[in-house]
Amino acid sequence: MLLGAELWCSSFVGLSKMAASSFILAGFFLMEYFANKIVGITQPNQLLNTRENTRN
């Protein structure tokens, strides 16, 4: 019984660490996405030119 509780506790700590790291990663992705959106609003032509250059 004690072993089961210990295993559950350690797995819960592992899951919370995974969740925290994934939240941090998602936050970085969102920040980058919104930064790109803001850049796209302020400089639409430059963004379109870079997209065209990557296609060719």
N, C-alpha and C. Protein backbone atom coordinates (compact mmCIF):
# COMPACT_ATOMS: atom_id res chain seq x y z
N MET A 1 0.83 -1.21 0.00
CA MET A 1 0.00 0.00 0.00
C MET A 1 0.86 1.26 0.00
N LEU A 2 1.88 1.23 0.83
CA LEU A 2 2.78 2.39 0.91
C LEU A 2 3.53 2.56 -0.41
N LEU A 3 3.94 1.43 -1.01
CA LEU A 3 4.66 1.47 -2.28
C LEU A 3 3.79 2.08 -3.38
N GLY A 4 2.51 1.70 -3.39
CA GLY A 4 1.60 2.25 -4.40
C GLY A 4 1.46 3.76 -4.26
N ALA A 5 1.35 4.24 -3.03
CA ALA A 5 1.24 5.67 -2.80
C ALA A 5 2.52 6.38 -3.24
N GLU A 6 3.66 5.74 -2.97
CA GLU A 6 4.94 6.34 -3.35
C GLU A 6 5.07 6.43 -4.87
N LEU A 7 4.67 5.36 -5.54
CA LEU A 7 4.71 5.35 -7.01
C LEU A 7 3.77 6.40 -7.59
N TRP A 8 2.58 6.50 -7.02
CA TRP A 8 1.60 7.49 -7.50
C TRP A 8 2.14 8.89 -7.32
N CYS A 9 2.79 9.13 -6.16
CA CYS A 9 3.32 10.45 -5.86
C CYS A 9 4.44 10.80 -6.84
N SER A 10 5.33 9.85 -7.09
CA SER A 10 6.45 10.14 -8.00
C SER A 10 5.95 10.35 -9.42
N SER A 11 4.95 9.58 -9.83
CA SER A 11 4.41 9.75 -11.18
C SER A 11 3.69 11.09 -11.28
N PHE A 12 3.02 11.52 -10.20
CA PHE A 12 2.34 12.81 -10.21
C PHE A 12 3.35 13.94 -10.34
N VAL A 13 4.48 13.83 -9.62
CA VAL A 13 5.53 14.85 -9.70
C VAL A 13 6.11 14.88 -11.11
N GLY A 14 6.32 13.70 -11.71
CA GLY A 14 6.82 13.65 -13.08
C GLY A 14 5.85 14.28 -14.06
N LEU A 15 4.57 14.01 -13.89
CA LEU A 15 3.56 14.58 -14.78
C LEU A 15 3.49 16.10 -14.63
N SER A 16 3.57 16.57 -13.39
CA SER A 16 3.50 18.02 -13.18
C SER A 16 4.73 18.71 -13.78
N LYS A 17 5.89 18.05 -13.70
CA LYS A 17 7.09 18.63 -14.33
C LYS A 17 6.92 18.68 -15.84
N MET A 18 6.38 17.60 -16.42
CA MET A 18 6.15 17.57 -17.86
C MET A 18 5.15 18.66 -18.26
N ALA A 19 4.10 18.80 -17.48
CA ALA A 19 3.08 19.81 -17.79
C ALA A 19 3.68 21.21 -17.70
N ALA A 20 4.51 21.46 -16.69
CA ALA A 20 5.13 22.78 -16.53
C ALA A 20 6.03 23.09 -17.72
N SER A 21 6.84 22.11 -18.14
CA SER A 21 7.75 22.36 -19.26
C SER A 21 6.96 22.56 -20.55
N SER A 22 5.86 21.82 -20.73
CA SER A 22 5.07 21.99 -21.94
C SER A 22 4.35 23.33 -21.93
N PHE A 23 3.93 23.80 -20.75
CA PHE A 23 3.31 25.12 -20.66
C PHE A 23 4.33 26.20 -21.02
N ILE A 24 5.58 26.03 -20.55
CA ILE A 24 6.63 27.01 -20.86
C ILE A 24 6.88 27.02 -22.36
N LEU A 25 6.96 25.83 -22.96
CA LEU A 25 7.18 25.75 -24.41
C LEU A 25 6.02 26.39 -25.16
N ALA A 26 4.80 26.11 -24.74
CA ALA A 26 3.64 26.69 -25.40
C ALA A 26 3.66 28.21 -25.27
N GLY A 27 4.09 28.71 -24.11
CA GLY A 27 4.20 30.15 -23.91
C GLY A 27 5.19 30.77 -24.87
N PHE A 28 6.35 30.10 -25.05
CA PHE A 28 7.34 30.61 -25.99
C PHE A 28 6.79 30.63 -27.41
N PHE A 29 6.10 29.55 -27.79
CA PHE A 29 5.54 29.49 -29.14
C PHE A 29 4.50 30.58 -29.35
N LEU A 30 3.66 30.81 -28.33
CA LEU A 30 2.64 31.86 -28.44
C LEU A 30 3.28 33.23 -28.54
N MET A 31 4.33 33.47 -27.73
CA MET A 31 5.01 34.76 -27.78
C MET A 31 5.61 34.99 -29.16
N GLU A 32 6.25 33.94 -29.71
CA GLU A 32 6.84 34.07 -31.04
C GLU A 32 5.77 34.30 -32.10
N TYR A 33 4.64 33.60 -31.96
CA TYR A 33 3.54 33.74 -32.92
C TYR A 33 2.99 35.17 -32.90
N PHE A 34 2.77 35.69 -31.68
CA PHE A 34 2.22 37.05 -31.60
C PHE A 34 3.24 38.08 -32.06
N ALA A 35 4.53 37.83 -31.78
CA ALA A 35 5.56 38.75 -32.27
C ALA A 35 5.57 38.77 -33.79
N ASN A 36 5.43 37.60 -34.41
CA ASN A 36 5.37 37.53 -35.87
C ASN A 36 4.12 38.23 -36.40
N LYS A 37 3.01 38.11 -35.68
CA LYS A 37 1.78 38.79 -36.08
C LYS A 37 1.98 40.30 -36.06
N ILE A 38 2.61 40.80 -34.98
CA ILE A 38 2.83 42.24 -34.85
C ILE A 38 3.76 42.72 -35.96
N VAL A 39 4.83 41.95 -36.22
CA VAL A 39 5.75 42.30 -37.30
C VAL A 39 5.02 42.27 -38.64
N GLY A 40 4.13 41.29 -38.83
CA GLY A 40 3.36 41.21 -40.06
C GLY A 40 2.44 42.40 -40.25
N ILE A 41 1.90 42.93 -39.14
CA ILE A 41 1.02 44.09 -39.24
C ILE A 41 1.83 45.34 -39.58
N THR A 42 3.01 45.48 -38.95
CA THR A 42 3.79 46.70 -39.16
C THR A 42 4.55 46.66 -40.47
N GLN A 43 5.00 45.48 -40.90
CA GLN A 43 5.79 45.37 -42.14
C GLN A 43 5.23 44.25 -43.02
N PRO A 44 4.06 44.43 -43.62
CA PRO A 44 3.45 43.34 -44.39
C PRO A 44 4.23 43.01 -45.66
N ASN A 45 4.78 44.04 -46.32
CA ASN A 45 5.48 43.81 -47.58
C ASN A 45 6.75 42.99 -47.36
N GLN A 46 7.49 43.32 -46.32
CA GLN A 46 8.72 42.59 -46.04
C GLN A 46 8.42 41.12 -45.75
N LEU A 47 7.36 40.88 -44.98
CA LEU A 47 6.98 39.51 -44.65
C LEU A 47 6.60 38.74 -45.91
N LEU A 48 5.86 39.38 -46.82
CA LEU A 48 5.47 38.72 -48.06
C LEU A 48 6.70 38.43 -48.92
N ASN A 49 7.65 39.36 -48.94
CA ASN A 49 8.86 39.15 -49.73
C ASN A 49 9.65 37.97 -49.21
N THR A 50 9.76 37.83 -47.89
CA THR A 50 10.51 36.71 -47.34
C THR A 50 9.79 35.40 -47.65
N ARG A 51 8.48 35.40 -47.65
CA ARG A 51 7.73 34.19 -48.00
C ARG A 51 7.97 33.81 -49.46
N GLU A 52 7.98 34.80 -50.34
CA GLU A 52 8.21 34.53 -51.75
C GLU A 52 9.63 34.00 -51.97
N ASN A 53 10.58 34.56 -51.24
CA ASN A 53 11.97 34.12 -51.39
C ASN A 53 12.16 32.69 -50.92
N THR A 54 11.45 32.28 -49.87
CA THR A 54 11.60 30.91 -49.39
C THR A 54 10.98 29.92 -50.36
N ARG A 55 9.97 30.34 -51.11
CA ARG A 55 9.34 29.43 -52.07
C ARG A 55 10.27 29.16 -53.25
N ASN A 56 10.97 30.19 -53.71
CA ASN A 56 11.82 30.04 -54.92
C ASN A 56 13.09 29.27 -54.61
